PDB file of N, CA and C in Angstrom:
ATOM      1  N   MET A   1     -66.739  -5.668 -49.750  1.00  0.00           N
ATOM      2  CA  MET A   1     -67.495  -6.416 -50.741  1.00  0.00           C
ATOM      3  C   MET A   1     -68.816  -6.961 -50.112  1.00  0.00           C
ATOM      4  N   ILE A   2     -69.851  -6.777 -50.766  1.00  0.00           N
ATOM      5  CA  ILE A   2     -71.183  -7.161 -50.328  1.00  0.00           C
ATOM      6  C   ILE A   2     -71.431  -8.530 -50.843  1.00  0.00           C
ATOM      7  N   SER A   3     -71.549  -9.561 -49.913  1.00  0.00           N
ATOM      8  CA  SER A   3     -71.795 -10.933 -50.282  1.00  0.00           C
ATOM      9  C   SER A   3     -73.194 -11.132 -50.817  1.00  0.00           C
ATOM     10  N   ASP A   4     -73.432 -12.219 -51.547  1.00  0.00           N
ATOM     11  CA  ASP A   4     -74.796 -12.591 -51.982  1.00  0.00           C
ATOM     12  C   ASP A   4     -75.717 -12.770 -50.769  1.00  0.00           C
ATOM     13  N   GLU A   5     -75.195 -13.303 -49.693  1.00  0.00           N
ATOM     14  CA  GLU A   5     -76.049 -13.500 -48.492  1.00  0.00           C
ATOM     15  C   GLU A   5     -76.494 -12.156 -47.866  1.00  0.00           C
ATOM     16  N   ILE A   6     -75.583 -11.184 -47.821  1.00  0.00           N
ATOM     17  CA  ILE A   6     -75.966  -9.900 -47.308  1.00  0.00           C
ATOM     18  C   ILE A   6     -77.011  -9.260 -48.213  1.00  0.00           C
ATOM     19  N   LEU A   7     -76.856  -9.352 -49.509  1.00  0.00           N
ATOM     20  CA  LEU A   7     -77.806  -8.847 -50.472  1.00  0.00           C
ATOM     21  C   LEU A   7     -79.153  -9.490 -50.306  1.00  0.00           C
ATOM     22  N   LYS A   8     -79.176 -10.816 -50.132  1.00  0.00           N
ATOM     23  CA  LYS A   8     -80.400 -11.583 -49.964  1.00  0.00           C
ATOM     24  C   LYS A   8     -81.074 -11.082 -48.692  1.00  0.00           C
ATOM     25  N   GLU A   9     -80.362 -10.982 -47.573  1.00  0.00           N
ATOM     26  CA  GLU A   9     -80.960 -10.562 -46.330  1.00  0.00           C
ATOM     27  C   GLU A   9     -81.667  -9.147 -46.485  1.00  0.00           C
ATOM     28  N   PHE A  10     -80.893  -8.244 -47.165  1.00  0.00           N
ATOM     29  CA  PHE A  10     -81.426  -6.892 -47.323  1.00  0.00           C
ATOM     30  C   PHE A  10     -82.698  -6.971 -48.175  1.00  0.00           C
ATOM     31  N   LYS A  11     -82.718  -7.675 -49.203  1.00  0.00           N
ATOM     32  CA  LYS A  11     -83.861  -7.779 -50.159  1.00  0.00           C
ATOM     33  C   LYS A  11     -85.053  -8.388 -49.360  1.00  0.00           C
ATOM     34  N   GLU A  12     -84.824  -9.375 -48.591  1.00  0.00           N
ATOM     35  CA  GLU A  12     -85.930  -9.942 -47.798  1.00  0.00           C
ATOM     36  C   GLU A  12     -86.414  -8.967 -46.830  1.00  0.00           C
ATOM     37  N   ARG A  13     -85.573  -8.210 -46.195  1.00  0.00           N
ATOM     38  CA  ARG A  13     -86.029  -7.189 -45.194  1.00  0.00           C
ATOM     39  C   ARG A  13     -86.898  -6.138 -45.843  1.00  0.00           C
ATOM     40  N   MET A  14     -86.486  -5.736 -47.004  1.00  0.00           N
ATOM     41  CA  MET A  14     -87.156  -4.645 -47.700  1.00  0.00           C
ATOM     42  C   MET A  14     -88.266  -5.153 -48.640  1.00  0.00           C
ATOM     43  N   HIS A  15     -88.487  -6.458 -48.694  1.00  0.00           N
ATOM     44  CA  HIS A  15     -89.449  -7.017 -49.544  1.00  0.00           C
ATOM     45  C   HIS A  15     -89.281  -6.613 -51.011  1.00  0.00           C
ATOM     46  N   LEU A  16     -87.994  -6.809 -51.509  1.00  0.00           N
ATOM     47  CA  LEU A  16     -87.687  -6.460 -52.858  1.00  0.00           C
ATOM     48  C   LEU A  16     -87.363  -7.730 -53.671  1.00  0.00           C
ATOM     49  N   GLY A  17     -87.636  -7.669 -55.031  1.00  0.00           N
ATOM     50  CA  GLY A  17     -87.369  -8.749 -55.879  1.00  0.00           C
ATOM     51  C   GLY A  17     -85.917  -8.642 -56.415  1.00  0.00           C
ATOM     52  N   ASP A  18     -85.664  -9.493 -57.432  1.00  0.00           N
ATOM     53  CA  ASP A  18     -84.350  -9.637 -58.017  1.00  0.00           C
ATOM     54  C   ASP A  18     -84.026  -8.606 -59.069  1.00  0.00           C
ATOM     55  N   HIS A  19     -84.938  -7.758 -59.389  1.00  0.00           N
ATOM     56  CA  HIS A  19     -84.776  -6.885 -60.573  1.00  0.00           C
ATOM     57  C   HIS A  19     -83.811  -5.717 -60.217  1.00  0.00           C
ATOM     58  N   GLU A  20     -83.445  -5.471 -59.004  1.00  0.00           N
ATOM     59  CA  GLU A  20     -82.565  -4.351 -58.582  1.00  0.00           C
ATOM     60  C   GLU A  20     -81.306  -4.784 -57.967  1.00  0.00           C
ATOM     61  N   ASP A  21     -80.844  -5.942 -58.133  1.00  0.00           N
ATOM     62  CA  ASP A  21     -79.605  -6.483 -57.495  1.00  0.00           C
ATOM     63  C   ASP A  21     -78.410  -5.542 -57.671  1.00  0.00           C
ATOM     64  N   ALA A  22     -78.123  -5.071 -58.841  1.00  0.00           N
ATOM     65  CA  ALA A  22     -76.953  -4.246 -59.025  1.00  0.00           C
ATOM     66  C   ALA A  22     -77.074  -2.891 -58.248  1.00  0.00           C
ATOM     67  N   ASN A  23     -78.232  -2.222 -58.269  1.00  0.00           N
ATOM     68  CA  ASN A  23     -78.425  -1.011 -57.616  1.00  0.00           C
ATOM     69  C   ASN A  23     -78.372  -1.251 -56.090  1.00  0.00           C
ATOM     70  N   LEU A  24     -78.989  -2.305 -55.571  1.00  0.00           N
ATOM     71  CA  LEU A  24     -78.937  -2.574 -54.167  1.00  0.00           C
ATOM     72  C   LEU A  24     -77.546  -2.909 -53.618  1.00  0.00           C
ATOM     73  N   ARG A  25     -76.837  -3.633 -54.494  1.00  0.00           N
ATOM     74  CA  ARG A  25     -75.436  -3.968 -54.069  1.00  0.00           C
ATOM     75  C   ARG A  25     -74.608  -2.688 -54.016  1.00  0.00           C
ATOM     76  N   ARG A  26     -74.879  -1.764 -54.940  1.00  0.00           N
ATOM     77  CA  ARG A  26     -74.090  -0.456 -54.939  1.00  0.00           C
ATOM     78  C   ARG A  26     -74.497   0.334 -53.723  1.00  0.00           C
ATOM     79  N   ILE A  27     -75.808   0.334 -53.389  1.00  0.00           N
ATOM     80  CA  ILE A  27     -76.275   1.106 -52.162  1.00  0.00           C
ATOM     81  C   ILE A  27     -75.643   0.559 -50.962  1.00  0.00           C
ATOM     82  N   LEU A  28     -75.635  -0.796 -50.794  1.00  0.00           N
ATOM     83  CA  LEU A  28     -75.141  -1.492 -49.622  1.00  0.00           C
ATOM     84  C   LEU A  28     -73.647  -1.239 -49.464  1.00  0.00           C
ATOM     85  N   SER A  29     -72.922  -1.300 -50.642  1.00  0.00           N
ATOM     86  CA  SER A  29     -71.538  -1.078 -50.556  1.00  0.00           C
ATOM     87  C   SER A  29     -71.202   0.369 -50.206  1.00  0.00           C
ATOM     88  N   ALA A  30     -71.872   1.356 -50.757  1.00  0.00           N
ATOM     89  CA  ALA A  30     -71.681   2.705 -50.340  1.00  0.00           C
ATOM     90  C   ALA A  30     -71.953   2.977 -48.878  1.00  0.00           C
ATOM     91  N   SER A  31     -73.032   2.361 -48.433  1.00  0.00           N
ATOM     92  CA  SER A  31     -73.390   2.513 -46.984  1.00  0.00           C
ATOM     93  C   SER A  31     -72.346   1.920 -46.109  1.00  0.00           C
ATOM     94  N   ASN A  32     -71.812   0.686 -46.488  1.00  0.00           N
ATOM     95  CA  ASN A  32     -70.764   0.033 -45.737  1.00  0.00           C
ATOM     96  C   ASN A  32     -69.568   0.941 -45.661  1.00  0.00           C
ATOM     97  N   LYS A  33     -69.135   1.416 -46.794  1.00  0.00           N
ATOM     98  CA  LYS A  33     -67.911   2.253 -46.784  1.00  0.00           C
ATOM     99  C   LYS A  33     -68.088   3.583 -45.951  1.00  0.00           C
ATOM    100  N   ALA A  34     -69.245   4.162 -46.089  1.00  0.00           N
ATOM    101  CA  ALA A  34     -69.520   5.455 -45.377  1.00  0.00           C
ATOM    102  C   ALA A  34     -69.581   5.209 -43.825  1.00  0.00           C
ATOM    103  N   LEU A  35     -70.091   4.094 -43.438  1.00  0.00           N
ATOM    104  CA  LEU A  35     -70.181   3.820 -41.984  1.00  0.00           C
ATOM    105  C   LEU A  35     -68.848   3.326 -41.444  1.00  0.00           C
ATOM    106  N   ILE A  36     -67.982   2.705 -42.282  1.00  0.00           N
ATOM    107  CA  ILE A  36     -66.654   2.394 -41.818  1.00  0.00           C
ATOM    108  C   ILE A  36     -65.846   3.683 -41.601  1.00  0.00           C
ATOM    109  N   ARG A  37     -66.068   4.671 -42.500  1.00  0.00           N
ATOM    110  CA  ARG A  37     -65.397   5.963 -42.228  1.00  0.00           C
ATOM    111  C   ARG A  37     -65.817   6.581 -40.922  1.00  0.00           C
ATOM    112  N   SER A  38     -67.091   6.428 -40.617  1.00  0.00           N
ATOM    113  CA  SER A  38     -67.676   7.147 -39.414  1.00  0.00           C
ATOM    114  C   SER A  38     -67.453   6.248 -38.114  1.00  0.00           C
ATOM    115  N   CYS A  39     -67.533   4.998 -38.206  1.00  0.00           N
ATOM    116  CA  CYS A  39     -67.528   4.122 -36.988  1.00  0.00           C
ATOM    117  C   CYS A  39     -66.250   3.342 -36.790  1.00  0.00           C
ATOM    118  N   GLY A  40     -65.450   3.146 -37.798  1.00  0.00           N
ATOM    119  CA  GLY A  40     -64.297   2.297 -37.707  1.00  0.00           C
ATOM    120  C   GLY A  40     -64.439   1.111 -38.539  1.00  0.00           C
ATOM    121  N   ASP A  41     -63.450   0.302 -38.647  1.00  0.00           N
ATOM    122  CA  ASP A  41     -63.360  -0.870 -39.510  1.00  0.00           C
ATOM    123  C   ASP A  41     -64.098  -2.071 -38.975  1.00  0.00           C
ATOM    124  N   TYR A  42     -65.376  -2.124 -39.264  1.00  0.00           N
ATOM    125  CA  TYR A  42     -66.246  -3.297 -38.845  1.00  0.00           C
ATOM    126  C   TYR A  42     -66.460  -4.187 -40.099  1.00  0.00           C
ATOM    127  N   ASP A  43     -66.787  -5.402 -39.807  1.00  0.00           N
ATOM    128  CA  ASP A  43     -67.103  -6.407 -40.852  1.00  0.00           C
ATOM    129  C   ASP A  43     -68.525  -6.593 -40.875  1.00  0.00           C
ATOM    130  N   ILE A  44     -69.207  -6.339 -41.974  1.00  0.00           N
ATOM    131  CA  ILE A  44     -70.598  -6.398 -42.117  1.00  0.00           C
ATOM    132  C   ILE A  44     -71.078  -7.944 -41.972  1.00  0.00           C
ATOM    133  N   ASN A  45     -70.130  -8.823 -42.294  1.00  0.00           N
ATOM    134  CA  ASN A  45     -70.487 -10.251 -42.316  1.00  0.00           C
ATOM    135  C   ASN A  45     -70.460 -10.831 -40.907  1.00  0.00           C
ATOM    136  N   THR A  46     -69.761 -10.196 -39.938  1.00  0.00           N
ATOM    137  CA  THR A  46     -69.680 -10.800 -38.637  1.00  0.00           C
ATOM    138  C   THR A  46     -70.218  -9.903 -37.461  1.00  0.00           C
ATOM    139  N   ASP A  47     -70.370  -8.678 -37.711  1.00  0.00           N
ATOM    140  CA  ASP A  47     -70.932  -7.801 -36.682  1.00  0.00           C
ATOM    141  C   ASP A  47     -72.373  -7.409 -36.944  1.00  0.00           C
ATOM    142  N   GLU A  48     -73.278  -7.976 -36.169  1.00  0.00           N
ATOM    143  CA  GLU A  48     -74.696  -7.723 -36.431  1.00  0.00           C
ATOM    144  C   GLU A  48     -75.145  -6.251 -36.189  1.00  0.00           C
ATOM    145  N   SER A  49     -74.548  -5.589 -35.212  1.00  0.00           N
ATOM    146  CA  SER A  49     -74.934  -4.215 -35.006  1.00  0.00           C
ATOM    147  C   SER A  49     -74.513  -3.319 -36.143  1.00  0.00           C
ATOM    148  N   PHE A  50     -73.302  -3.556 -36.650  1.00  0.00           N
ATOM    149  CA  PHE A  50     -72.882  -2.811 -37.803  1.00  0.00           C
ATOM    150  C   PHE A  50     -73.756  -3.153 -38.982  1.00  0.00           C
ATOM    151  N   LYS A  51     -74.008  -4.443 -39.260  1.00  0.00           N
ATOM    152  CA  LYS A  51     -74.824  -4.795 -40.424  1.00  0.00           C
ATOM    153  C   LYS A  51     -76.188  -4.133 -40.312  1.00  0.00           C
ATOM    154  N   GLU A  52     -76.786  -4.091 -39.145  1.00  0.00           N
ATOM    155  CA  GLU A  52     -78.073  -3.399 -38.979  1.00  0.00           C
ATOM    156  C   GLU A  52     -77.997  -1.959 -39.334  1.00  0.00           C
ATOM    157  N   LEU A  53     -76.979  -1.272 -38.983  1.00  0.00           N
ATOM    158  CA  LEU A  53     -76.746   0.119 -39.298  1.00  0.00           C
ATOM    159  C   LEU A  53     -76.599   0.295 -40.780  1.00  0.00           C
ATOM    160  N   VAL A  54     -75.825  -0.599 -41.420  1.00  0.00           N
ATOM    161  CA  VAL A  54     -75.627  -0.526 -42.848  1.00  0.00           C
ATOM    162  C   VAL A  54     -77.071  -0.726 -43.588  1.00  0.00           C
ATOM    163  N   PHE A  55     -77.805  -1.692 -43.025  1.00  0.00           N
ATOM    164  CA  PHE A  55     -79.134  -1.893 -43.686  1.00  0.00           C
ATOM    165  C   PHE A  55     -80.106  -0.675 -43.478  1.00  0.00           C
ATOM    166  N   GLU A  56     -79.949  -0.050 -42.323  1.00  0.00           N
ATOM    167  CA  GLU A  56     -80.788   1.168 -42.126  1.00  0.00           C
ATOM    168  C   GLU A  56     -80.363   2.297 -43.037  1.00  0.00           C
ATOM    169  N   ARG A  57     -79.020   2.493 -43.165  1.00  0.00           N
ATOM    170  CA  ARG A  57     -78.576   3.613 -44.024  1.00  0.00           C
ATOM    171  C   ARG A  57     -79.009   3.287 -45.462  1.00  0.00           C
ATOM    172  N   SER A  58     -78.900   2.028 -45.908  1.00  0.00           N
ATOM    173  CA  SER A  58     -79.229   1.647 -47.198  1.00  0.00           C
ATOM    174  C   SER A  58     -80.749   1.784 -47.492  1.00  0.00           C
ATOM    175  N   ARG A  59     -81.519   1.577 -46.435  1.00  0.00           N
ATOM    176  CA  ARG A  59     -83.009   1.782 -46.571  1.00  0.00           C
ATOM    177  C   ARG A  59     -83.295   3.287 -46.809  1.00  0.00           C
ATOM    178  N   TYR A  60     -82.544   4.164 -46.041  1.00  0.00           N
ATOM    179  CA  TYR A  60     -82.712   5.587 -46.218  1.00  0.00           C
ATOM    180  C   TYR A  60     -82.265   5.965 -47.685  1.00  0.00           C
ATOM    181  N   VAL A  61     -81.183   5.475 -48.156  1.00  0.00           N
ATOM    182  CA  VAL A  61     -80.782   5.770 -49.470  1.00  0.00           C
ATOM    183  C   VAL A  61     -81.779   5.294 -50.498  1.00  0.00           C
ATOM    184  N   TYR A  62     -82.199   4.113 -50.330  1.00  0.00           N
ATOM    185  CA  TYR A  62     -83.202   3.531 -51.293  1.00  0.00           C
ATOM    186  C   TYR A  62     -84.463   4.422 -51.360  1.00  0.00           C
ATOM    187  N   ASN A  63     -84.877   4.913 -50.271  1.00  0.00           N
ATOM    188  CA  ASN A  63     -86.097   5.726 -50.181  1.00  0.00           C
ATOM    189  C   ASN A  63     -85.862   7.210 -50.331  1.00  0.00           C
ATOM    190  N   ASP A  64     -84.649   7.608 -50.812  1.00  0.00           N
ATOM    191  CA  ASP A  64     -84.292   8.987 -51.081  1.00  0.00           C
ATOM    192  C   ASP A  64     -84.459   9.902 -49.871  1.00  0.00           C
ATOM    193  N   ALA A  65     -84.039   9.364 -48.694  1.00  0.00           N
ATOM    194  CA  ALA A  65     -84.140  10.145 -47.480  1.00  0.00           C
ATOM    195  C   ALA A  65     -82.814  10.093 -46.685  1.00  0.00           C
ATOM    196  N   LEU A  66     -81.728  10.000 -47.384  1.00  0.00           N
ATOM    197  CA  LEU A  66     -80.398   9.926 -46.693  1.00  0.00           C
ATOM    198  C   LEU A  66     -80.176  11.122 -45.781  1.00  0.00           C
ATOM    199  N   GLU A  67     -80.643  12.225 -46.092  1.00  0.00           N
ATOM    200  CA  GLU A  67     -80.418  13.497 -45.264  1.00  0.00           C
ATOM    201  C   GLU A  67     -80.935  13.308 -43.857  1.00  0.00           C
ATOM    202  N   TYR A  68     -81.805  12.411 -43.594  1.00  0.00           N
ATOM    203  CA  TYR A  68     -82.339  12.186 -42.294  1.00  0.00           C
ATOM    204  C   TYR A  68     -81.637  11.083 -41.499  1.00  0.00           C
ATOM    205  N   PHE A  69     -80.808  10.252 -42.126  1.00  0.00           N
ATOM    206  CA  PHE A  69     -80.164   9.113 -41.511  1.00  0.00           C
ATOM    207  C   PHE A  69     -79.288   9.568 -40.292  1.00  0.00           C
ATOM    208  N   ASN A  70     -78.325  10.438 -40.508  1.00  0.00           N
ATOM    209  CA  ASN A  70     -77.389  10.783 -39.382  1.00  0.00           C
ATOM    210  C   ASN A  70     -78.243  11.287 -38.188  1.00  0.00           C
ATOM    211  N   ASP A  71     -79.143  12.152 -38.351  1.00  0.00           N
ATOM    212  CA  ASP A  71     -79.873  12.694 -37.265  1.00  0.00           C
ATOM    213  C   ASP A  71     -80.637  11.573 -36.463  1.00  0.00           C
ATOM    214  N   ASN A  72     -81.188  10.638 -37.217  1.00  0.00           N
ATOM    215  CA  ASN A  72     -81.964   9.544 -36.607  1.00  0.00           C
ATOM    216  C   ASN A  72     -81.154   8.426 -36.005  1.00  0.00           C
ATOM    217  N   PHE A  73     -79.882   8.299 -36.398  1.00  0.00           N
ATOM    218  CA  PHE A  73     -79.122   7.134 -35.966  1.00  0.00           C
ATOM    219  C   PHE A  73     -77.764   7.650 -35.358  1.00  0.00           C
ATOM    220  N   ILE A  74     -77.702   8.907 -34.935  1.00  0.00           N
ATOM    221  CA  ILE A  74     -76.460   9.409 -34.357  1.00  0.00           C
ATOM    222  C   ILE A  74     -76.019   8.608 -33.117  1.00  0.00           C
ATOM    223  N   SER A  75     -76.879   8.218 -32.309  1.00  0.00           N
ATOM    224  CA  SER A  75     -76.443   7.449 -31.120  1.00  0.00           C
ATOM    225  C   SER A  75     -75.863   6.127 -31.489  1.00  0.00           C
ATOM    226  N   GLU A  76     -76.395   5.382 -32.439  1.00  0.00           N
ATOM    227  CA  GLU A  76     -75.908   4.145 -32.910  1.00  0.00           C
ATOM    228  C   GLU A  76     -74.475   4.341 -33.608  1.00  0.00           C
ATOM    229  N   ILE A  77     -74.356   5.358 -34.392  1.00  0.00           N
ATOM    230  CA  ILE A  77     -73.134   5.728 -35.034  1.00  0.00           C
ATOM    231  C   ILE A  77     -72.039   5.938 -34.072  1.00  0.00           C
ATOM    232  N   ASN A  78     -72.375   6.812 -33.019  1.00  0.00           N
ATOM    233  CA  ASN A  78     -71.406   7.214 -32.010  1.00  0.00           C
ATOM    234  C   ASN A  78     -71.022   5.943 -31.156  1.00  0.00           C
ATOM    235  N   SER A  79     -72.012   5.150 -30.861  1.00  0.00           N
ATOM    236  CA  SER A  79     -71.745   3.902 -30.039  1.00  0.00           C
ATOM    237  C   SER A  79     -70.780   3.000 -30.651  1.00  0.00           C
ATOM    238  N   LEU A  80     -70.931   2.739 -31.927  1.00  0.00           N
ATOM    239  CA  LEU A  80     -70.018   1.869 -32.665  1.00  0.00           C
ATOM    240  C   LEU A  80     -68.577   2.490 -32.700  1.00  0.00           C
ATOM    241  N   GLY A  81     -68.604   3.776 -32.975  1.00  0.00           N
ATOM    242  CA  GLY A  81     -67.259   4.505 -33.030  1.00  0.00           C
ATOM    243  C   GLY A  81     -66.576   4.513 -31.717  1.00  0.00           C
ATOM    244  N   ILE A  82     -67.313   4.654 -30.681  1.00  0.00           N
ATOM    245  CA  ILE A  82     -66.706   4.643 -29.333  1.00  0.00           C
ATOM    246  C   ILE A  82     -66.233   3.200 -28.933  1.00  0.00           C
ATOM    247  N   ASP A  83     -66.994   2.210 -29.290  1.00  0.00           N
ATOM    248  CA  ASP A  83     -66.620   0.842 -29.057  1.00  0.00           C
ATOM    249  C   ASP A  83     -65.333   0.533 -29.733  1.00  0.00           C
ATOM    250  N   LYS A  84     -65.201   0.927 -30.963  1.00  0.00           N
ATOM    251  CA  LYS A  84     -64.016   0.639 -31.779  1.00  0.00           C
ATOM    252  C   LYS A  84     -62.827   1.396 -31.088  1.00  0.00           C
ATOM    253  N   ALA A  85     -62.959   2.654 -30.721  1.00  0.00           N
ATOM    254  CA  ALA A  85     -61.896   3.356 -30.092  1.00  0.00           C
ATOM    255  C   ALA A  85     -61.478   2.718 -28.819  1.00  0.00           C
ATOM    256  N   LEU A  86     -62.398   2.336 -27.945  1.00  0.00           N
ATOM    257  CA  LEU A  86     -62.140   1.679 -26.698  1.00  0.00           C
ATOM    258  C   LEU A  86     -61.326   0.345 -26.904  1.00  0.00           C
ATOM    259  N   LYS A  87     -61.798  -0.388 -27.883  1.00  0.00           N
ATOM    260  CA  LYS A  87     -61.071  -1.685 -28.167  1.00  0.00           C
ATOM    261  C   LYS A  87     -59.661  -1.387 -28.573  1.00  0.00           C
ATOM    262  N   ALA A  88     -59.418  -0.341 -29.403  1.00  0.00           N
ATOM    263  CA  ALA A  88     -58.100   0.048 -29.851  1.00  0.00           C
ATOM    264  C   ALA A  88     -57.184   0.444 -28.613  1.00  0.00           C
ATOM    265  N   ILE A  89     -57.784   1.180 -27.693  1.00  0.00           N
ATOM    266  CA  ILE A  89     -57.024   1.611 -26.465  1.00  0.00           C
ATOM    267  C   ILE A  89     -56.650   0.363 -25.639  1.00  0.00           C
ATOM    268  N   VAL A  90     -57.574  -0.518 -25.509  1.00  0.00           N
ATOM    269  CA  VAL A  90     -57.317  -1.764 -24.714  1.00  0.00           C
ATOM    270  C   VAL A  90     -56.226  -2.563 -25.369  1.00  0.00           C
ATOM    271  N   LEU A  91     -56.323  -2.753 -26.719  1.00  0.00           N
ATOM    272  CA  LEU A  91     -55.313  -3.463 -27.391  1.00  0.00           C
ATOM    273  C   LEU A  91     -53.909  -2.757 -27.319  1.00  0.00           C
ATOM    274  N   GLU A  92     -53.946  -1.423 -27.417  1.00  0.00           N
ATOM    275  CA  GLU A  92     -52.664  -0.681 -27.299  1.00  0.00           C
ATOM    276  C   GLU A  92     -52.087  -0.808 -25.907  1.00  0.00           C
ATOM    277  N   GLY A  93     -52.943  -0.866 -24.898  1.00  0.00           N
ATOM    278  CA  GLY A  93     -52.518  -1.033 -23.500  1.00  0.00           C
ATOM    279  C   GLY A  93     -51.954  -2.381 -23.308  1.00  0.00           C
ATOM    280  N   ASP A  94     -52.476  -3.370 -23.938  1.00  0.00           N
ATOM    281  CA  ASP A  94     -51.975  -4.801 -23.783  1.00  0.00           C
ATOM    282  C   ASP A  94     -50.596  -4.868 -24.457  1.00  0.00           C
ATOM    283  N   ALA A  95     -50.441  -4.159 -25.595  1.00  0.00           N
ATOM    284  CA  ALA A  95     -49.165  -4.166 -26.247  1.00  0.00           C
ATOM    285  C   ALA A  95     -48.087  -3.497 -25.427  1.00  0.00           C
ATOM    286  N   ASP A  96     -48.437  -2.355 -24.785  1.00  0.00           N
ATOM    287  CA  ASP A  96     -47.480  -1.663 -23.915  1.00  0.00           C
ATOM    288  C   ASP A  96     -47.151  -2.526 -22.636  1.00  0.00           C
ATOM    289  N   ALA A  97     -48.014  -3.313 -22.180  1.00  0.00           N
ATOM    290  CA  ALA A  97     -47.762  -4.093 -21.039  1.00  0.00           C
ATOM    291  C   ALA A  97     -46.773  -5.213 -21.302  1.00  0.00           C
ATOM    292  N   THR A  98     -46.649  -5.620 -22.529  1.00  0.00           N
ATOM    293  CA  THR A  98     -45.681  -6.764 -22.872  1.00  0.00           C
ATOM    294  C   THR A  98     -44.233  -6.255 -23.164  1.00  0.00           C
ATOM    295  N   VAL A  99     -44.112  -4.939 -23.234  1.00  0.00           N
ATOM    296  CA  VAL A  99     -42.846  -4.350 -23.590  1.00  0.00           C
ATOM    297  C   VAL A  99     -41.939  -4.347 -22.399  1.00  0.00           C
TER     298      VAL A  99
END
């Protein structure tokens, strides 16, 4: 769910008015879901790196250039995915240690 605060931040960043709120919310939501599939379950409201990536993907979508996003941001996408995987391994290791 894209909060009003996230929508407001994105509109300010992109210098957009209020006339496109529904479209922007749809773009942000789709970008959030796509990046969760690629990077893992991050919270756009609490993780600044993930939010930045969602905003960048949304900017590419808004400007009809989505086909360039993955190539230009592959290192950021991979970094978030690796961070999530490492955290899962550490948590799994902690659970095994208590058994």
